Amino acid sequence: MLWGVTDEGLRYAIRQRPASGVAYCALTIGGGTRAEEELPEGTAHFVEQC
């Protein structure tokens, strides 16, 4: 499993299942639309729609 935090504060985890060719990606942020002034504009909405 590969995981980390981007410069913008998005936490991510990626898990690949080589035998099936399937990969899973999870993104989390430290806030919602109320905290958007601390995040790049539109981040909360983008993560919500993923």
PDB file of N, CA and C in Angstrom:
ATOM      1  N   MET A   1       0.853  -1.174   0.000  1.00  0.00           N
ATOM      2  CA  MET A   1       0.000   0.000   0.000  1.00  0.00           C
ATOM      3  C   MET A   1       0.895   1.232   0.000  1.00  0.00           C
ATOM      4  N   LEU A   2       0.507   2.187  -0.806  1.00  0.00           N
ATOM      5  CA  LEU A   2       1.204   3.470  -0.892  1.00  0.00           C
ATOM      6  C   LEU A   2       0.309   4.516  -0.240  1.00  0.00           C
ATOM      7  N   TRP A   3       0.862   5.335   0.635  1.00  0.00           N
ATOM      8  CA  TRP A   3       0.073   6.377   1.287  1.00  0.00           C
ATOM      9  C   TRP A   3       0.946   7.577   1.560  1.00  0.00           C
ATOM     10  N   GLY A   4       0.296   8.725   1.767  1.00  0.00           N
ATOM     11  CA  GLY A   4       1.044   9.941   2.054  1.00  0.00           C
ATOM     12  C   GLY A   4       0.130  11.149   2.136  1.00  0.00           C
ATOM     13  N   VAL A   5       0.749  12.322   2.136  1.00  0.00           N
ATOM     14  CA  VAL A   5       0.031  13.596   2.209  1.00  0.00           C
ATOM     15  C   VAL A   5       0.608  14.517   1.149  1.00  0.00           C
ATOM     16  N   THR A   6      -0.271  15.163   0.366  1.00  0.00           N
ATOM     17  CA  THR A   6       0.203  16.102  -0.642  1.00  0.00           C
ATOM     18  C   THR A   6       0.596  17.419   0.020  1.00  0.00           C
ATOM     19  N   ASP A   7       1.243  18.288  -0.724  1.00  0.00           N
ATOM     20  CA  ASP A   7       1.621  19.611  -0.210  1.00  0.00           C
ATOM     21  C   ASP A   7       0.392  20.421   0.217  1.00  0.00           C
ATOM     22  N   GLU A   8      -0.752  20.141  -0.399  1.00  0.00           N
ATOM     23  CA  GLU A   8      -1.990  20.856  -0.080  1.00  0.00           C
ATOM     24  C   GLU A   8      -2.721  20.268   1.119  1.00  0.00           C
ATOM     25  N   GLY A   9      -2.245  19.159   1.672  1.00  0.00           N
ATOM     26  CA  GLY A   9      -2.859  18.568   2.852  1.00  0.00           C
ATOM     27  C   GLY A   9      -3.821  17.421   2.595  1.00  0.00           C
ATOM     28  N   LEU A  10      -3.987  17.013   1.331  1.00  0.00           N
ATOM     29  CA  LEU A  10      -4.824  15.849   1.036  1.00  0.00           C
ATOM     30  C   LEU A  10      -4.093  14.583   1.468  1.00  0.00           C
ATOM     31  N   ARG A  11      -4.783  13.757   2.219  1.00  0.00           N
ATOM     32  CA  ARG A  11      -4.217  12.456   2.583  1.00  0.00           C
ATOM     33  C   ARG A  11      -4.724  11.427   1.584  1.00  0.00           C
ATOM     34  N   TYR A  12      -3.837  10.539   1.149  1.00  0.00           N
ATOM     35  CA  TYR A  12      -4.234   9.544   0.160  1.00  0.00           C
ATOM     36  C   TYR A  12      -3.680   8.175   0.514  1.00  0.00           C
ATOM     37  N   ALA A  13      -4.360   7.173   0.016  1.00  0.00           N
ATOM     38  CA  ALA A  13      -3.909   5.780   0.141  1.00  0.00           C
ATOM     39  C   ALA A  13      -4.258   5.080  -1.164  1.00  0.00           C
ATOM     40  N   ILE A  14      -3.319   4.320  -1.676  1.00  0.00           N
ATOM     41  CA  ILE A  14      -3.529   3.587  -2.923  1.00  0.00           C
ATOM     42  C   ILE A  14      -3.136   2.135  -2.675  1.00  0.00           C
ATOM     43  N   ARG A  15      -4.037   1.248  -3.028  1.00  0.00           N
ATOM     44  CA  ARG A  15      -3.764  -0.182  -2.891  1.00  0.00           C
ATOM     45  C   ARG A  15      -4.059  -0.850  -4.229  1.00  0.00           C
ATOM     46  N   GLN A  16      -3.101  -1.600  -4.709  1.00  0.00           N
ATOM     47  CA  GLN A  16      -3.252  -2.269  -5.992  1.00  0.00           C
ATOM     48  C   GLN A  16      -3.319  -3.774  -5.778  1.00  0.00           C
ATOM     49  N   ARG A  17      -4.185  -4.425  -6.532  1.00  0.00           N
ATOM     50  CA  ARG A  17      -4.273  -5.885  -6.507  1.00  0.00           C
ATOM     51  C   ARG A  17      -3.767  -6.383  -7.861  1.00  0.00           C
ATOM     52  N   PRO A  18      -2.488  -6.675  -7.952  1.00  0.00           N
ATOM     53  CA  PRO A  18      -1.893  -7.031  -9.244  1.00  0.00           C
ATOM     54  C   PRO A  18      -2.558  -8.229  -9.932  1.00  0.00           C
ATOM     55  N   ALA A  19      -3.002  -9.196  -9.168  1.00  0.00           N
ATOM     56  CA  ALA A  19      -3.588 -10.391  -9.772  1.00  0.00           C
ATOM     57  C   ALA A  19      -4.885 -10.075 -10.517  1.00  0.00           C
ATOM     58  N   SER A  20      -5.626  -9.068 -10.063  1.00  0.00           N
ATOM     59  CA  SER A  20      -6.906  -8.754 -10.691  1.00  0.00           C
ATOM     60  C   SER A  20      -6.851  -7.506 -11.568  1.00  0.00           C
ATOM     61  N   GLY A  21      -5.790  -6.739 -11.478  1.00  0.00           N
ATOM     62  CA  GLY A  21      -5.690  -5.500 -12.239  1.00  0.00           C
ATOM     63  C   GLY A  21      -6.541  -4.366 -11.670  1.00  0.00           C
ATOM     64  N   VAL A  22      -6.988  -4.519 -10.425  1.00  0.00           N
ATOM     65  CA  VAL A  22      -7.837  -3.526  -9.781  1.00  0.00           C
ATOM     66  C   VAL A  22      -7.006  -2.702  -8.805  1.00  0.00           C
ATOM     67  N   ALA A  23      -7.288  -1.409  -8.731  1.00  0.00           N
ATOM     68  CA  ALA A  23      -6.616  -0.536  -7.770  1.00  0.00           C
ATOM     69  C   ALA A  23      -7.677   0.239  -6.994  1.00  0.00           C
ATOM     70  N   TYR A  24      -7.379   0.586  -5.761  1.00  0.00           N
ATOM     71  CA  TYR A  24      -8.271   1.339  -4.886  1.00  0.00           C
ATOM     72  C   TYR A  24      -7.547   2.591  -4.455  1.00  0.00           C
ATOM     73  N   CYS A  25      -8.215   3.725  -4.519  1.00  0.00           N
ATOM     74  CA  CYS A  25      -7.629   4.982  -4.108  1.00  0.00           C
ATOM     75  C   CYS A  25      -8.576   5.673  -3.136  1.00  0.00           C
ATOM     76  N   ALA A  26      -8.063   6.129  -2.014  1.00  0.00           N
ATOM     77  CA  ALA A  26      -8.864   6.860  -1.034  1.00  0.00           C
ATOM     78  C   ALA A  26      -8.240   8.226  -0.812  1.00  0.00           C
ATOM     79  N   LEU A  27      -9.078   9.260  -0.783  1.00  0.00           N
ATOM     80  CA  LEU A  27      -8.644  10.626  -0.497  1.00  0.00           C
ATOM     81  C   LEU A  27      -9.405  11.126   0.717  1.00  0.00           C
ATOM     82  N   THR A  28      -8.716  11.784   1.625  1.00  0.00           N
ATOM     83  CA  THR A  28      -9.392  12.418   2.753  1.00  0.00           C
ATOM     84  C   THR A  28      -8.840  13.828   2.912  1.00  0.00           C
ATOM     85  N   ILE A  29      -9.686  14.703   3.414  1.00  0.00           N
ATOM     86  CA  ILE A  29      -9.270  16.063   3.679  1.00  0.00           C
ATOM     87  C   ILE A  29      -9.592  16.385   5.128  1.00  0.00           C
ATOM     88  N   GLY A  30      -8.929  17.382   5.674  1.00  0.00           N
ATOM     89  CA  GLY A  30      -9.119  17.743   7.072  1.00  0.00           C
ATOM     90  C   GLY A  30     -10.212  18.761   7.288  1.00  0.00           C
ATOM     91  N   GLY A  31     -11.255  18.740   6.500  1.00  0.00           N
ATOM     92  CA  GLY A  31     -12.342  19.682   6.683  1.00  0.00           C
ATOM     93  C   GLY A  31     -13.322  19.624   5.535  1.00  0.00           C
ATOM     94  N   GLY A  32     -14.397  20.337   5.677  1.00  0.00           N
ATOM     95  CA  GLY A  32     -15.411  20.396   4.631  1.00  0.00           C
ATOM     96  C   GLY A  32     -15.486  21.792   4.053  1.00  0.00           C
ATOM     97  N   THR A  33     -16.653  22.144   3.555  1.00  0.00           N
ATOM     98  CA  THR A  33     -16.800  23.450   2.921  1.00  0.00           C
ATOM     99  C   THR A  33     -16.617  24.596   3.907  1.00  0.00           C
ATOM    100  N   ARG A  34     -16.868  24.357   5.186  1.00  0.00           N
ATOM    101  CA  ARG A  34     -16.652  25.420   6.186  1.00  0.00           C
ATOM    102  C   ARG A  34     -15.183  25.799   6.308  1.00  0.00           C
ATOM    103  N   ALA A  35     -14.301  24.840   6.042  1.00  0.00           N
ATOM    104  CA  ALA A  35     -12.863  25.079   6.170  1.00  0.00           C
ATOM    105  C   ALA A  35     -12.202  25.369   4.826  1.00  0.00           C
ATOM    106  N   GLU A  36     -12.998  25.623   3.806  1.00  0.00           N
ATOM    107  CA  GLU A  36     -12.444  25.756   2.466  1.00  0.00           C
ATOM    108  C   GLU A  36     -11.472  26.926   2.324  1.00  0.00           C
ATOM    109  N   GLU A  37     -11.549  27.935   3.191  1.00  0.00           N
ATOM    110  CA  GLU A  37     -10.576  29.022   3.084  1.00  0.00           C
ATOM    111  C   GLU A  37      -9.155  28.539   3.362  1.00  0.00           C
ATOM    112  N   GLU A  38      -9.016  27.384   4.005  1.00  0.00           N
ATOM    113  CA  GLU A  38      -7.703  26.809   4.287  1.00  0.00           C
ATOM    114  C   GLU A  38      -7.254  25.852   3.196  1.00  0.00           C
ATOM    115  N   LEU A  39      -8.174  25.479   2.293  1.00  0.00           N
ATOM    116  CA  LEU A  39      -7.887  24.532   1.218  1.00  0.00           C
ATOM    117  C   LEU A  39      -7.996  25.250  -0.121  1.00  0.00           C
ATOM    118  N   PRO A  40      -7.371  24.688  -1.167  1.00  0.00           N
ATOM    119  CA  PRO A  40      -7.572  25.284  -2.496  1.00  0.00           C
ATOM    120  C   PRO A  40      -9.066  25.299  -2.846  1.00  0.00           C
ATOM    121  N   GLU A  41      -9.528  26.339  -3.505  1.00  0.00           N
ATOM    122  CA  GLU A  41     -10.943  26.502  -3.826  1.00  0.00           C
ATOM    123  C   GLU A  41     -11.492  25.290  -4.572  1.00  0.00           C
ATOM    124  N   GLY A  42     -12.616  24.774  -4.108  1.00  0.00           N
ATOM    125  CA  GLY A  42     -13.265  23.637  -4.755  1.00  0.00           C
ATOM    126  C   GLY A  42     -12.812  22.277  -4.272  1.00  0.00           C
ATOM    127  N   THR A  43     -11.840  22.209  -3.366  1.00  0.00           N
ATOM    128  CA  THR A  43     -11.290  20.928  -2.915  1.00  0.00           C
ATOM    129  C   THR A  43     -12.353  20.059  -2.253  1.00  0.00           C
ATOM    130  N   ALA A  44     -13.130  20.628  -1.340  1.00  0.00           N
ATOM    131  CA  ALA A  44     -14.142  19.838  -0.629  1.00  0.00           C
ATOM    132  C   ALA A  44     -15.156  19.273  -1.606  1.00  0.00           C
ATOM    133  N   HIS A  45     -15.603  20.075  -2.559  1.00  0.00           N
ATOM    134  CA  HIS A  45     -16.586  19.609  -3.542  1.00  0.00           C
ATOM    135  C   HIS A  45     -15.975  18.518  -4.421  1.00  0.00           C
ATOM    136  N   PHE A  46     -14.744  18.681  -4.849  1.00  0.00           N
ATOM    137  CA  PHE A  46     -14.077  17.675  -5.691  1.00  0.00           C
ATOM    138  C   PHE A  46     -13.997  16.332  -4.965  1.00  0.00           C
ATOM    139  N   VAL A  47     -13.543  16.346  -3.722  1.00  0.00           N
ATOM    140  CA  VAL A  47     -13.395  15.096  -2.968  1.00  0.00           C
ATOM    141  C   VAL A  47     -14.765  14.463  -2.716  1.00  0.00           C
ATOM    142  N   GLU A  48     -15.769  15.272  -2.471  1.00  0.00           N
ATOM    143  CA  GLU A  48     -17.121  14.766  -2.253  1.00  0.00           C
ATOM    144  C   GLU A  48     -17.636  14.006  -3.481  1.00  0.00           C
ATOM    145  N   GLN A  49     -17.311  14.482  -4.668  1.00  0.00           N
ATOM    146  CA  GLN A  49     -17.819  13.880  -5.893  1.00  0.00           C
ATOM    147  C   GLN A  49     -17.027  12.656  -6.351  1.00  0.00           C
ATOM    148  N   CYS A  50     -15.872  12.446  -5.814  1.00  0.00           N
ATOM    149  CA  CYS A  50     -15.040  11.301  -6.239  1.00  0.00           C
ATOM    150  C   CYS A  50     -15.572   9.972  -5.795  1.00  0.00           C
TER     151      CYS A  50
END
